[in-house]
Amino acid sequence: MSTVTDTAHAPDAHDSHDGHDGHHHGAPKGLMRWLLTTNHKDIGTLYLWFAFIMFLVGGAMAMVIRAELFQPGLQIVEPNFFNQMTTVHGLIMVFGAVMPAFTGLANWLIPMMIGAPDMALPRMNNWSFWILPFAFLILLSSLFVEGGGPAFGWTFYAPLSTTYSGDSTALFVFSVHIMGISSIMGAINVVVTIFNMRAPGMTYMKMPLFVWTWLITAFLLIAVMPVLAGVVTMVLTDKYFGTSFFDAAGGGDPVLFQHIFWFFGHPEVYIMILPAFGIISQIVPTFSRKKLFGYASMVYATASIALLSFIVWAHHMFTTGMPVFAEMFFMIATMIIAVPTGVKVFNWVATMWRGSISFEVPMLFAIAFIILFTIGGLSGLMLAIVPVDFQYHDTYFVVAHFHYVLVTGAVFSIMAAVYYWLPKWTGRMFDIKLAKLHFWCSLVSVNVLFFPMHFVGLAGMPRRIPDYALQFADFNKWISIGGFAFGLSQLIFLALIIKACRKQGEKVSDQVWDGAEGLEWEIPSPAPYHTFDTPPVIK
């Protein structure tokens, strides 16, 4: 975004070429370093490892689901356990994998990108991470209580969740509260850091787009996480304390649950995709050797997506018997939100247009993101149309749609980000052959996994069922094969990360990628433990 002059680094920055990350300058050693750390890079690393572990755990649950659906008939697990797997898989992937991964990237990158020495509230930063493992231990432990874990879907619709026989509901609610507290603390930290700690000359319209998308995401988190806290508390009191918010027999309304949940749930979808837009907006200009096309329009498009996300929630509820004028309003609002998203896709393509493109691994993931996320966006536009949605609702078409947005969208963007900034973090180039193998295996398998779901959904296969009619058998076999292949592909990624952490590979220059711009490419590789003692001046 901006040219940098007079970049003054920490004293250890220049003598960090001994390959020790400059850790001899104030970085403690051993376990206590990680438990007590307030360094933004350490906390970012913790978030990223935690997210990856949760990604593998959630993926293992998806494997149980796909193994059961490999053939028609009840094969491997009981229907109730199948429902527990679909519920906990969803919760872990959303709250345990995607969101912490983006928070980890924010922790690592935002201070480096804006020329700040650290995050503004470092102790709160440590706390916001360390409560997360406990939240997920509580959630996973619910699988072992009498009656089994939560089995009412990750959206925990009442009255299903309020009348569910198992004892795990309280554990589920408690874990969601802790996740929410962690998210709110992380978001406050991001906002305070960006508002107060930018380097001299780093005006708002000079900030990298990743910083912009995270600033807007942080406001979304602060706005909607309390709504989630409210709705899970209402579920808790309905189940255990005799209230009847969602119980028609007591004067409540089950549809009220859906309104409150989706008022949180729809902005949540954008919380999981806006940072991805920021990542792609950093990577595409670097490997196109061009400035990002339409920087200002990207900022305004991100802000308008965030604002519009608050007025589209009921498009998840067209089949609940809403009045026609409400269906019209939410249909039109949902179609309007496609416009700023279209602006972004257009700008990325325009950035690549006539650029000097090189197909490094981050760029491969970025291009795959643009194409496949657009497919997810188009199926979302189909779901926005009320009469058509009556056909699609609660079928595998919806599953295909949101997995194209969240897997080939959010998850691919996180992988792109890791490949893009990993050399800066470790000071060494990762194994490019392994990385390309990971990309192609993931790309092919993810489409074998999710694309046929559109067809079984259109043919009427409902989601969240452990058994299905014979006519869906062939497609489901292919979907399961794609699922197992995609899961195994991530083990390549794991091997590559471990290899990179062991500092195997060629040393990289400070800039790493030819054409990369921004403050983080001005500091040494590997990034020193303390980045800026005196802030850089941006001209």
Protein backbone atom coordinates (compact mmCIF):
# COMPACT_ATOMS: atom_id res chain seq x y z
CA MET A 1 0.00 0.00 0.00
CA SER A 2 2.70 2.47 1.01
CA THR A 3 6.39 3.12 0.72
CA VAL A 4 8.37 2.78 3.90
CA THR A 5 11.31 4.86 5.03
CA ASP A 6 13.40 4.98 8.19
CA THR A 7 12.27 1.54 9.29
CA ALA A 8 13.87 1.16 12.73
CA HIS A 9 13.82 -2.37 14.01
CA ALA A 10 14.35 -3.88 17.38
CA PRO A 11 18.03 -4.20 18.33
CA ASP A 12 17.86 -7.95 17.80
CA ALA A 13 16.44 -7.65 14.32
CA HIS A 14 19.72 -7.44 12.46
CA ASP A 15 21.57 -10.07 14.43
CA SER A 16 18.82 -12.66 14.04
CA HIS A 17 20.51 -14.27 11.05
CA ASP A 18 21.90 -17.02 13.24
CA GLY A 19 18.62 -18.83 12.58
CA HIS A 20 17.40 -18.47 16.17
CA ASP A 21 14.54 -16.06 15.40
CA GLY A 22 16.34 -13.48 17.50
CA HIS A 23 14.84 -15.30 20.50
CA HIS A 24 17.88 -14.51 22.63
CA HIS A 25 16.40 -11.01 22.91
CA GLY A 26 13.85 -11.39 25.69
CA ALA A 27 12.14 -14.59 24.53
CA PRO A 28 11.83 -17.06 27.41
CA LYS A 29 12.34 -20.75 26.76
CA GLY A 30 10.31 -23.85 27.50
CA LEU A 31 6.68 -24.42 28.43
CA MET A 32 6.23 -21.25 30.51
CA ARG A 33 7.03 -19.17 27.45
CA TRP A 34 3.85 -20.45 25.79
CA LEU A 35 1.65 -20.37 28.90
CA LEU A 36 2.53 -16.83 29.95
CA THR A 37 3.41 -15.23 26.62
CA THR A 38 2.05 -11.81 25.73
CA ASN A 39 3.98 -11.64 22.45
CA HIS A 40 1.63 -11.34 19.49
CA LYS A 41 3.68 -13.75 17.36
CA ASP A 42 3.64 -16.47 20.03
CA ILE A 43 -0.09 -16.06 20.57
CA GLY A 44 -0.67 -16.11 16.80
CA THR A 45 1.30 -19.36 16.60
CA LEU A 46 -0.76 -20.87 19.45
CA TYR A 47 -4.02 -19.92 17.72
CA LEU A 48 -2.86 -21.39 14.40
CA TRP A 49 -1.75 -24.71 15.92
CA PHE A 50 -4.95 -24.94 17.95
CA ALA A 51 -7.05 -24.26 14.84
CA PHE A 52 -5.16 -26.92 12.87
CA ILE A 53 -5.64 -29.53 15.61
CA MET A 54 -9.35 -28.71 15.74
CA PHE A 55 -9.50 -28.88 11.93
CA LEU A 56 -8.16 -32.45 12.11
CA VAL A 57 -10.56 -33.38 14.96
CA GLY A 58 -13.56 -31.91 13.10
CA GLY A 59 -12.32 -33.63 9.95
CA ALA A 60 -12.23 -36.99 11.74
CA MET A 61 -15.90 -36.47 12.65
CA ALA A 62 -16.66 -35.68 9.02
CA MET A 63 -14.99 -38.99 8.11
CA VAL A 64 -17.41 -40.80 10.46
CA ILE A 65 -20.31 -39.06 8.70
CA ARG A 66 -19.03 -39.95 5.22
CA ALA A 67 -18.19 -43.56 6.19
CA GLU A 68 -21.80 -44.02 7.35
CA LEU A 69 -23.15 -42.51 4.11
CA PHE A 70 -20.84 -44.48 1.82
CA GLN A 71 -23.70 -46.93 1.18
CA PRO A 72 -27.44 -46.82 1.88
CA GLY A 73 -28.64 -48.58 5.03
CA LEU A 74 -27.34 -48.16 8.57
CA GLN A 75 -23.69 -49.22 8.35
CA ILE A 76 -21.34 -48.23 11.13
CA VAL A 77 -22.84 -45.97 13.80
CA GLU A 78 -26.18 -45.52 15.57
CA PRO A 79 -28.39 -42.71 14.20
CA ASN A 80 -28.10 -40.80 17.49
CA PHE A 81 -24.28 -40.91 17.36
CA PHE A 82 -24.45 -39.87 13.69
CA ASN A 83 -26.41 -36.79 14.78
CA GLN A 84 -23.85 -36.07 17.51
CA MET A 85 -21.11 -36.19 14.86
CA THR A 86 -22.91 -33.76 12.51
CA THR A 87 -23.54 -31.36 15.43
CA VAL A 88 -20.06 -31.38 16.96
CA HIS A 89 -18.36 -31.41 13.52
CA GLY A 90 -20.16 -28.16 12.65
CA LEU A 91 -19.43 -26.48 15.98
CA ILE A 92 -15.75 -27.46 15.93
CA MET A 93 -15.16 -26.38 12.34
CA VAL A 94 -16.87 -23.00 12.81
CA PHE A 95 -15.73 -22.02 16.31
CA GLY A 96 -12.63 -24.20 16.69
CA ALA A 97 -10.97 -24.23 13.27
CA VAL A 98 -11.94 -21.31 11.01
CA MET A 99 -12.36 -18.51 13.56
CA PRO A 100 -9.21 -19.25 15.65
CA ALA A 101 -7.17 -19.62 12.44
CA PHE A 102 -8.18 -16.12 11.30
CA THR A 103 -7.52 -14.79 14.82
CA GLY A 104 -4.06 -16.38 14.72
CA LEU A 105 -3.32 -14.67 11.40
CA ALA A 106 -4.60 -11.37 12.83
CA ASN A 107 -2.29 -11.71 15.84
CA TRP A 108 0.73 -12.49 13.70
CA LEU A 109 0.16 -9.98 10.94
CA ILE A 110 -1.77 -6.92 12.07
CA PRO A 111 0.99 -5.44 14.31
CA MET A 112 3.59 -6.15 11.61
CA MET A 113 1.39 -4.63 8.89
CA ILE A 114 0.60 -1.38 10.74
CA GLY A 115 4.06 -0.91 12.30
CA ALA A 116 2.94 -1.61 15.88
CA PRO A 117 5.28 -3.21 18.44
CA ASP A 118 2.57 -5.64 19.63
CA MET A 119 -1.18 -5.92 20.15
CA ALA A 120 -2.65 -3.16 22.33
CA LEU A 121 -3.87 -5.45 25.14
CA PRO A 122 -1.28 -8.21 25.38
CA ARG A 123 -2.42 -9.83 28.64
CA MET A 124 -6.01 -9.99 27.48
CA ASN A 125 -4.61 -11.50 24.28
CA ASN A 126 -3.02 -14.34 26.26
CA TRP A 127 -6.24 -14.88 28.20
CA SER A 128 -8.44 -14.89 25.07
CA PHE A 129 -6.37 -17.76 23.68
CA TRP A 130 -5.96 -19.88 26.80
CA ILE A 131 -9.67 -20.12 27.59
CA LEU A 132 -10.29 -21.66 24.14
CA PRO A 133 -8.78 -25.13 24.73
CA PHE A 134 -10.97 -25.44 27.84
CA ALA A 135 -14.09 -24.49 25.87
CA PHE A 136 -13.43 -27.29 23.39
CA LEU A 137 -12.47 -29.80 26.08
CA ILE A 138 -15.89 -29.11 27.64
CA LEU A 139 -17.62 -29.52 24.26
CA LEU A 140 -15.78 -32.76 23.43
CA SER A 141 -16.30 -34.14 26.96
CA SER A 142 -20.07 -33.82 26.35
CA LEU A 143 -19.73 -36.79 23.96
CA PHE A 144 -18.90 -39.00 26.96
CA VAL A 145 -21.73 -38.06 29.34
CA GLU A 146 -24.81 -40.25 29.73
CA GLY A 147 -27.09 -39.91 26.71
CA GLY A 148 -24.23 -38.72 24.50
CA GLY A 149 -23.25 -35.31 23.15
CA PRO A 150 -25.47 -32.65 21.60
CA ALA A 151 -27.34 -34.23 18.67
CA PHE A 152 -29.58 -31.36 17.53
CA GLY A 153 -27.47 -29.90 14.70
CA TRP A 154 -24.89 -27.11 15.04
CA THR A 155 -27.76 -24.60 14.73
CA PHE A 156 -29.38 -26.22 17.85
CA TYR A 157 -32.93 -25.28 16.83
CA ALA A 158 -35.48 -25.15 19.64
CA PRO A 159 -37.62 -27.04 20.58
CA LEU A 160 -35.23 -29.83 19.51
CA SER A 161 -32.39 -28.52 21.71
CA THR A 162 -34.63 -27.59 24.66
CA THR A 163 -36.33 -31.01 24.83
CA TYR A 164 -33.28 -33.14 23.94
CA SER A 165 -33.01 -36.02 26.41
CA GLY A 166 -29.22 -36.00 26.89
CA ASP A 167 -27.46 -34.20 29.73
CA SER A 168 -24.91 -32.62 27.41
CA THR A 169 -26.89 -29.44 26.65
CA ALA A 170 -25.50 -27.57 29.67
CA LEU A 171 -21.91 -28.46 28.71
CA PHE A 172 -22.59 -27.35 25.14
CA VAL A 173 -24.03 -24.00 26.32
CA PHE A 174 -21.13 -23.41 28.71
CA SER A 175 -18.54 -24.13 26.01
CA VAL A 176 -20.28 -21.75 23.55
CA HIS A 177 -20.22 -19.00 26.21
CA ILE A 178 -16.46 -19.40 26.68
CA MET A 179 -15.84 -19.40 22.89
CA GLY A 180 -17.89 -16.21 22.65
CA ILE A 181 -15.94 -14.50 25.46
CA SER A 182 -12.69 -15.43 23.70
CA SER A 183 -13.96 -14.01 20.38
CA ILE A 184 -15.13 -10.74 21.93
CA MET A 185 -11.80 -10.22 23.75
CA GLY A 186 -9.87 -10.94 20.55
CA ALA A 187 -12.06 -8.54 18.57
CA ILE A 188 -11.72 -5.70 21.10
CA ASN A 189 -7.95 -6.19 20.98
CA VAL A 190 -7.92 -5.92 17.17
CA VAL A 191 -10.02 -2.73 17.18
CA VAL A 192 -7.95 -0.99 19.88
CA THR A 193 -4.68 -1.99 18.18
CA ILE A 194 -5.73 -0.71 14.75
CA PHE A 195 -7.23 2.54 16.10
CA ASN A 196 -4.36 3.45 18.41
CA MET A 197 -1.11 1.81 17.31
CA ARG A 198 -0.66 2.54 13.62
CA ALA A 199 2.79 3.84 12.66
CA PRO A 200 3.11 7.57 11.83
CA GLY A 201 1.76 8.19 8.33
CA MET A 202 -0.26 4.94 8.26
CA THR A 203 -3.62 6.54 7.50
CA TYR A 204 -6.75 4.39 7.31
CA MET A 205 -6.71 4.39 3.52
CA LYS A 206 -3.08 3.22 3.49
CA MET A 207 -3.77 0.17 5.66
CA PRO A 208 -3.37 -3.21 3.93
CA LEU A 209 -6.71 -4.78 3.04
CA PHE A 210 -6.16 -7.66 5.47
CA VAL A 211 -6.11 -5.08 8.29
CA TRP A 212 -9.27 -3.43 6.95
CA THR A 213 -11.20 -6.68 6.64
CA TRP A 214 -10.20 -7.66 10.18
CA LEU A 215 -11.20 -4.27 11.60
CA ILE A 216 -14.67 -4.68 10.10
CA THR A 217 -14.84 -8.34 11.19
CA ALA A 218 -13.96 -7.32 14.76
CA PHE A 219 -16.94 -4.94 14.88
CA LEU A 220 -19.18 -7.73 13.60
CA LEU A 221 -17.91 -10.05 16.35
CA ILE A 222 -18.52 -7.46 19.08
CA ALA A 223 -22.04 -6.89 17.73
CA VAL A 224 -23.26 -10.47 17.32
CA MET A 225 -21.45 -12.65 19.89
CA PRO A 226 -23.66 -11.29 22.72
CA VAL A 227 -26.71 -12.31 20.65
CA LEU A 228 -25.41 -15.89 20.54
CA ALA A 229 -24.77 -15.74 24.29
CA GLY A 230 -28.37 -14.60 24.80
CA VAL A 231 -29.92 -17.34 22.70
CA VAL A 232 -27.89 -20.18 24.27
CA THR A 233 -28.83 -18.85 27.73
CA MET A 234 -32.52 -18.92 26.72
CA VAL A 235 -32.06 -22.54 25.57
CA LEU A 236 -30.43 -23.33 28.93
CA THR A 237 -33.25 -21.77 31.00
CA ASP A 238 -35.92 -23.42 28.81
CA LYS A 239 -34.34 -26.82 29.39
CA TYR A 240 -33.37 -26.61 33.06
CA PHE A 241 -35.24 -23.73 34.71
CA GLY A 242 -38.80 -24.00 33.45
CA THR A 243 -38.93 -20.88 31.25
CA SER A 244 -40.74 -21.12 27.92
CA PHE A 245 -39.11 -18.69 25.51
CA PHE A 246 -39.38 -21.26 22.71
CA ASP A 247 -42.12 -23.53 24.08
CA ALA A 248 -45.50 -22.88 22.46
CA ALA A 249 -47.28 -24.67 25.33
CA GLY A 250 -45.96 -22.02 27.74
CA GLY A 251 -46.71 -19.08 25.43
CA GLY A 252 -43.32 -19.05 23.74
CA ASP A 253 -42.49 -19.27 20.05
CA PRO A 254 -40.10 -21.81 18.46
CA VAL A 255 -39.66 -19.51 15.44
CA LEU A 256 -38.37 -16.78 17.79
CA PHE A 257 -35.32 -19.02 18.32
CA GLN A 258 -34.59 -19.02 14.59
CA HIS A 259 -34.87 -15.23 14.38
CA ILE A 260 -32.42 -14.70 17.25
CA PHE A 261 -30.05 -17.44 16.14
CA TRP A 262 -29.84 -16.27 12.53
CA PHE A 263 -29.49 -12.63 13.59
CA PHE A 264 -26.20 -13.90 15.02
CA GLY A 265 -25.68 -16.62 12.40
CA HIS A 266 -25.71 -14.57 9.26
CA PRO A 267 -23.12 -11.97 10.29
CA GLU A 268 -21.15 -14.98 11.61
CA VAL A 269 -20.92 -16.27 8.03
CA TYR A 270 -19.25 -12.98 7.06
CA ILE A 271 -17.01 -13.10 10.15
CA MET A 272 -15.67 -16.32 8.60
CA ILE A 273 -15.20 -14.92 5.07
CA LEU A 274 -14.22 -11.23 5.33
CA PRO A 275 -10.67 -11.96 6.61
CA ALA A 276 -10.39 -14.40 3.67
CA PHE A 277 -11.15 -11.50 1.30
CA GLY A 278 -8.32 -9.57 2.98
CA ILE A 279 -5.87 -12.44 2.52
CA ILE A 280 -6.72 -12.87 -1.17
CA SER A 281 -6.39 -9.08 -1.64
CA GLN A 282 -2.80 -9.30 -0.30
CA ILE A 283 -1.77 -12.35 -2.36
CA VAL A 284 -3.26 -11.58 -5.81
CA PRO A 285 -1.41 -8.22 -6.32
CA THR A 286 1.92 -9.76 -5.23
CA PHE A 287 1.87 -12.56 -7.80
CA SER A 288 0.25 -10.40 -10.50
CA ARG A 289 3.06 -7.83 -10.05
CA LYS A 290 0.39 -5.10 -10.00
CA LYS A 291 -1.29 -2.81 -7.51
CA LEU A 292 -4.68 -4.05 -6.28
CA PHE A 293 -7.37 -2.81 -8.65
CA GLY A 294 -9.85 -0.49 -6.89
CA TYR A 295 -8.46 -0.40 -3.32
CA ALA A 296 -11.04 2.12 -2.07
CA SER A 297 -13.94 0.22 -3.62
CA MET A 298 -12.70 -2.94 -1.85
CA VAL A 299 -12.81 -1.13 1.52
CA TYR A 300 -16.32 0.22 0.87
CA ALA A 301 -17.51 -3.15 -0.44
CA THR A 302 -16.28 -4.87 2.75
CA ALA A 303 -18.03 -2.29 4.93
CA SER A 304 -21.28 -2.60 2.98
CA ILE A 305 -21.21 -6.42 3.19
CA ALA A 306 -20.85 -6.07 6.97
CA LEU A 307 -23.74 -3.60 7.28
CA LEU A 308 -26.03 -5.57 4.95
CA SER A 309 -25.27 -8.82 6.83
CA PHE A 310 -27.54 -7.57 9.64
CA ILE A 311 -30.66 -7.34 7.47
CA VAL A 312 -30.64 -10.67 5.62
CA TRP A 313 -30.93 -13.20 8.48
CA ALA A 314 -34.42 -14.49 7.69
CA HIS A 315 -33.43 -15.92 4.29
CA HIS A 316 -32.63 -19.02 6.35
CA MET A 317 -36.29 -19.13 7.36
CA PHE A 318 -38.36 -18.83 4.19
CA THR A 319 -40.15 -22.12 4.96
CA THR A 320 -41.31 -21.06 8.45
CA GLY A 321 -44.42 -19.34 7.09
CA MET A 322 -43.26 -15.71 7.09
CA PRO A 323 -45.63 -13.08 5.63
CA VAL A 324 -45.06 -12.52 1.92
CA PHE A 325 -43.80 -8.92 2.35
CA ALA A 326 -41.10 -10.18 4.75
CA GLU A 327 -40.08 -12.88 2.28
CA MET A 328 -39.84 -10.21 -0.44
CA PHE A 329 -37.74 -7.92 1.78
CA PHE A 330 -35.25 -10.63 2.78
CA MET A 331 -35.04 -11.97 -0.77
CA ILE A 332 -34.17 -8.54 -2.20
CA ALA A 333 -31.76 -7.71 0.65
CA THR A 334 -29.95 -11.00 0.06
CA MET A 335 -29.64 -10.30 -3.64
CA ILE A 336 -28.28 -6.80 -2.92
CA ILE A 337 -25.51 -8.24 -0.68
CA ALA A 338 -24.26 -10.12 -3.77
CA VAL A 339 -23.33 -6.76 -5.37
CA PRO A 340 -20.39 -5.77 -3.09
CA THR A 341 -19.21 -9.40 -3.18
CA GLY A 342 -19.29 -9.23 -6.99
CA VAL A 343 -17.26 -6.01 -6.81
CA LYS A 344 -14.54 -7.88 -4.92
CA VAL A 345 -14.41 -10.78 -7.39
CA PHE A 346 -14.30 -8.30 -10.27
CA ASN A 347 -11.43 -6.38 -8.61
CA TRP A 348 -9.36 -9.54 -8.07
CA VAL A 349 -9.84 -10.58 -11.70
CA ALA A 350 -9.05 -7.03 -12.85
CA THR A 351 -5.86 -7.10 -10.75
CA MET A 352 -4.75 -10.29 -12.51
CA TRP A 353 -5.80 -8.96 -15.93
CA ARG A 354 -2.64 -8.26 -17.98
CA GLY A 355 -0.51 -8.73 -14.89
CA SER A 356 2.77 -10.62 -14.95
CA ILE A 357 1.32 -13.63 -13.10
CA SER A 358 3.47 -16.32 -11.55
CA PHE A 359 1.81 -19.42 -10.15
CA GLU A 360 3.46 -19.86 -6.76
CA VAL A 361 1.60 -21.98 -4.21
CA PRO A 362 -0.18 -19.07 -2.43
CA MET A 363 -1.39 -17.82 -5.82
CA LEU A 364 -2.69 -21.30 -6.77
CA PHE A 365 -4.81 -21.34 -3.61
CA ALA A 366 -5.92 -17.75 -4.23
CA ILE A 367 -7.08 -18.49 -7.80
CA ALA A 368 -8.85 -21.67 -6.61
CA PHE A 369 -10.50 -19.54 -3.90
CA ILE A 370 -11.78 -16.98 -6.41
CA ILE A 371 -13.29 -19.59 -8.74
CA LEU A 372 -14.75 -21.94 -6.11
CA PHE A 373 -15.94 -19.22 -3.74
CA THR A 374 -17.80 -17.71 -6.70
CA ILE A 375 -19.56 -21.06 -7.25
CA GLY A 376 -20.59 -20.97 -3.57
CA GLY A 377 -21.77 -17.40 -3.99
CA LEU A 378 -23.87 -18.27 -7.03
CA SER A 379 -25.59 -21.16 -5.24
CA GLY A 380 -26.24 -18.72 -2.39
CA LEU A 381 -27.94 -16.41 -4.85
CA MET A 382 -30.12 -19.35 -5.95
CA LEU A 383 -31.05 -20.00 -2.30
CA ALA A 384 -32.06 -16.33 -1.95
CA ILE A 385 -35.02 -16.75 -4.30
CA VAL A 386 -38.05 -17.59 -2.12
CA PRO A 387 -40.06 -20.00 -4.30
CA VAL A 388 -36.89 -21.84 -5.35
CA ASP A 389 -35.66 -22.01 -1.76
CA PHE A 390 -38.79 -24.02 -0.85
CA GLN A 391 -37.30 -26.78 -3.02
CA TYR A 392 -33.70 -26.43 -1.79
CA HIS A 393 -34.35 -25.89 1.93
CA ASP A 394 -32.76 -28.45 4.27
CA THR A 395 -31.41 -30.54 1.40
CA TYR A 396 -27.84 -31.38 0.48
CA PHE A 397 -27.92 -28.42 -1.93
CA VAL A 398 -27.57 -26.16 1.13
CA VAL A 399 -24.73 -28.36 2.45
CA ALA A 400 -22.94 -27.99 -0.91
CA HIS A 401 -23.49 -24.22 -0.88
CA PHE A 402 -22.06 -23.46 2.55
CA HIS A 403 -19.16 -25.90 2.19
CA TYR A 404 -18.13 -24.19 -1.05
CA VAL A 405 -18.13 -20.90 0.87
CA LEU A 406 -16.43 -22.20 4.01
CA VAL A 407 -14.06 -24.91 2.74
CA THR A 408 -12.99 -23.68 -0.71
CA GLY A 409 -13.53 -20.17 0.65
CA ALA A 410 -12.39 -19.69 4.23
CA VAL A 411 -10.20 -22.81 4.61
CA PHE A 412 -8.45 -22.39 1.23
CA SER A 413 -7.73 -18.74 2.07
CA ILE A 414 -6.17 -19.77 5.41
CA MET A 415 -3.97 -22.29 3.56
CA ALA A 416 -3.03 -19.59 1.04
CA ALA A 417 -2.11 -17.27 3.93
CA VAL A 418 0.04 -19.91 5.63
CA TYR A 419 1.96 -20.56 2.40
CA TYR A 420 2.31 -16.82 1.77
CA TRP A 421 3.64 -15.76 5.20
CA LEU A 422 5.26 -19.01 6.45
CA PRO A 423 8.69 -18.16 4.93
CA LYS A 424 8.53 -14.79 6.73
CA TRP A 425 7.72 -16.55 10.01
CA THR A 426 10.38 -19.26 9.78
CA GLY A 427 13.01 -17.58 7.61
CA ARG A 428 13.06 -20.59 5.27
CA MET A 429 11.19 -21.60 2.13
CA PHE A 430 8.77 -24.50 2.64
CA ASP A 431 8.93 -27.66 0.51
CA ILE A 432 7.41 -26.43 -2.77
CA LYS A 433 6.88 -29.91 -4.26
CA LEU A 434 4.95 -31.05 -1.17
CA ALA A 435 2.96 -27.81 -1.20
CA LYS A 436 1.94 -28.27 -4.85
CA LEU A 437 1.00 -31.89 -4.15
CA HIS A 438 -1.13 -30.66 -1.24
CA PHE A 439 -2.80 -28.08 -3.48
CA TRP A 440 -3.70 -30.42 -6.34
CA CYS A 441 -4.87 -33.24 -4.05
CA SER A 442 -7.03 -30.78 -2.09
CA LEU A 443 -8.41 -29.09 -5.21
CA VAL A 444 -9.49 -32.30 -6.97
CA SER A 445 -10.81 -34.07 -3.86
CA VAL A 446 -12.74 -31.07 -2.52
CA ASN A 447 -14.72 -30.84 -5.76
CA VAL A 448 -15.37 -34.59 -5.86
CA LEU A 449 -16.58 -34.17 -2.27
CA PHE A 450 -18.89 -31.16 -2.52
CA PHE A 451 -19.96 -30.72 -6.15
CA PRO A 452 -22.18 -33.85 -6.39
CA MET A 453 -24.00 -32.66 -3.26
CA HIS A 454 -25.72 -30.04 -5.45
CA PHE A 455 -27.29 -32.84 -7.50
CA VAL A 456 -28.41 -35.09 -4.65
CA GLY A 457 -29.85 -31.99 -2.98
CA LEU A 458 -31.79 -30.97 -6.08
CA ALA A 459 -33.08 -34.55 -6.30
CA GLY A 460 -34.44 -34.17 -2.78
CA MET A 461 -31.97 -35.80 -0.40
CA PRO A 462 -32.46 -34.18 3.03
CA ARG A 463 -29.39 -33.26 5.08
CA ARG A 464 -28.45 -34.70 8.49
CA ILE A 465 -29.79 -38.19 7.79
CA PRO A 466 -27.80 -41.38 8.46
CA ASP A 467 -29.65 -43.37 5.77
CA TYR A 468 -31.06 -42.53 2.34
CA ALA A 469 -32.99 -43.90 -0.61
CA LEU A 470 -31.27 -46.12 -3.16
CA GLN A 471 -31.40 -43.51 -5.94
CA PHE A 472 -28.73 -41.41 -4.13
CA ALA A 473 -26.29 -44.29 -3.63
CA ASP A 474 -23.87 -43.69 -6.54
CA PHE A 475 -23.39 -39.99 -5.86
CA ASN A 476 -22.93 -40.60 -2.13
CA LYS A 477 -20.22 -43.14 -2.82
CA TRP A 478 -18.30 -40.54 -4.84
CA ILE A 479 -18.90 -37.86 -2.20
CA SER A 480 -17.45 -40.15 0.50
CA ILE A 481 -14.42 -41.05 -1.65
CA GLY A 482 -13.80 -37.31 -2.19
CA GLY A 483 -14.18 -36.73 1.54
CA PHE A 484 -11.59 -39.34 2.50
CA ALA A 485 -9.20 -38.07 -0.17
CA PHE A 486 -9.57 -34.49 1.05
CA GLY A 487 -9.00 -35.58 4.64
CA LEU A 488 -5.84 -37.50 3.73
CA SER A 489 -4.57 -34.54 1.67
CA GLN A 490 -4.43 -32.47 4.87
CA LEU A 491 -1.84 -34.89 6.29
CA ILE A 492 0.48 -33.65 3.51
CA PHE A 493 -0.12 -30.14 4.84
CA LEU A 494 0.69 -31.31 8.38
CA ALA A 495 3.95 -32.91 7.20
CA LEU A 496 4.89 -29.72 5.36
CA ILE A 497 4.22 -27.50 8.40
CA ILE A 498 6.26 -29.75 10.72
CA LYS A 499 9.10 -29.71 8.19
CA ALA A 500 8.95 -25.90 8.00
CA CYS A 501 8.94 -25.56 11.81
CA ARG A 502 12.13 -27.65 11.91
CA LYS A 503 13.79 -25.02 9.70
CA GLN A 504 14.46 -27.35 6.79
CA GLY A 505 14.69 -25.54 3.48
CA GLU A 506 16.52 -22.66 1.83
CA LYS A 507 16.93 -19.36 3.64
CA VAL A 508 14.76 -16.58 2.23
CA SER A 509 15.42 -12.88 1.75
CA ASP A 510 13.59 -10.24 3.79
CA GLN A 511 11.13 -9.67 0.95
CA VAL A 512 10.55 -13.43 0.29
CA TRP A 513 8.26 -12.92 -2.73
CA ASP A 514 9.24 -10.78 -5.68
CA GLY A 515 6.62 -8.02 -5.83
CA ALA A 516 5.39 -8.27 -2.21
CA GLU A 517 4.63 -4.88 -0.69
CA GLY A 518 3.94 -3.85 2.89
CA LEU A 519 5.70 -3.31 6.21
CA GLU A 520 5.94 -7.00 7.06
CA TRP A 521 8.26 -7.51 4.06
CA GLU A 522 10.65 -4.80 5.31
CA ILE A 523 11.61 -6.64 8.52
CA PRO A 524 14.14 -9.51 8.58
CA SER A 525 13.19 -13.12 7.88
CA PRO A 526 12.53 -14.86 10.23
CA ALA A 527 10.50 -12.08 11.85
CA PRO A 528 12.34 -11.04 15.06
CA TYR A 529 10.64 -11.68 18.40
CA HIS A 530 10.15 -7.93 18.94
CA THR A 531 9.43 -6.22 15.66
CA PHE A 532 9.49 -2.42 15.98
CA ASP A 533 11.26 -0.64 18.85
CA THR A 534 10.71 2.69 17.14
CA PRO A 535 7.79 2.89 14.73
CA PRO A 536 8.57 3.07 11.00
CA VAL A 537 7.54 6.24 9.19
CA ILE A 538 5.23 5.72 6.22
CA LYS A 539 5.35 8.18 3.31
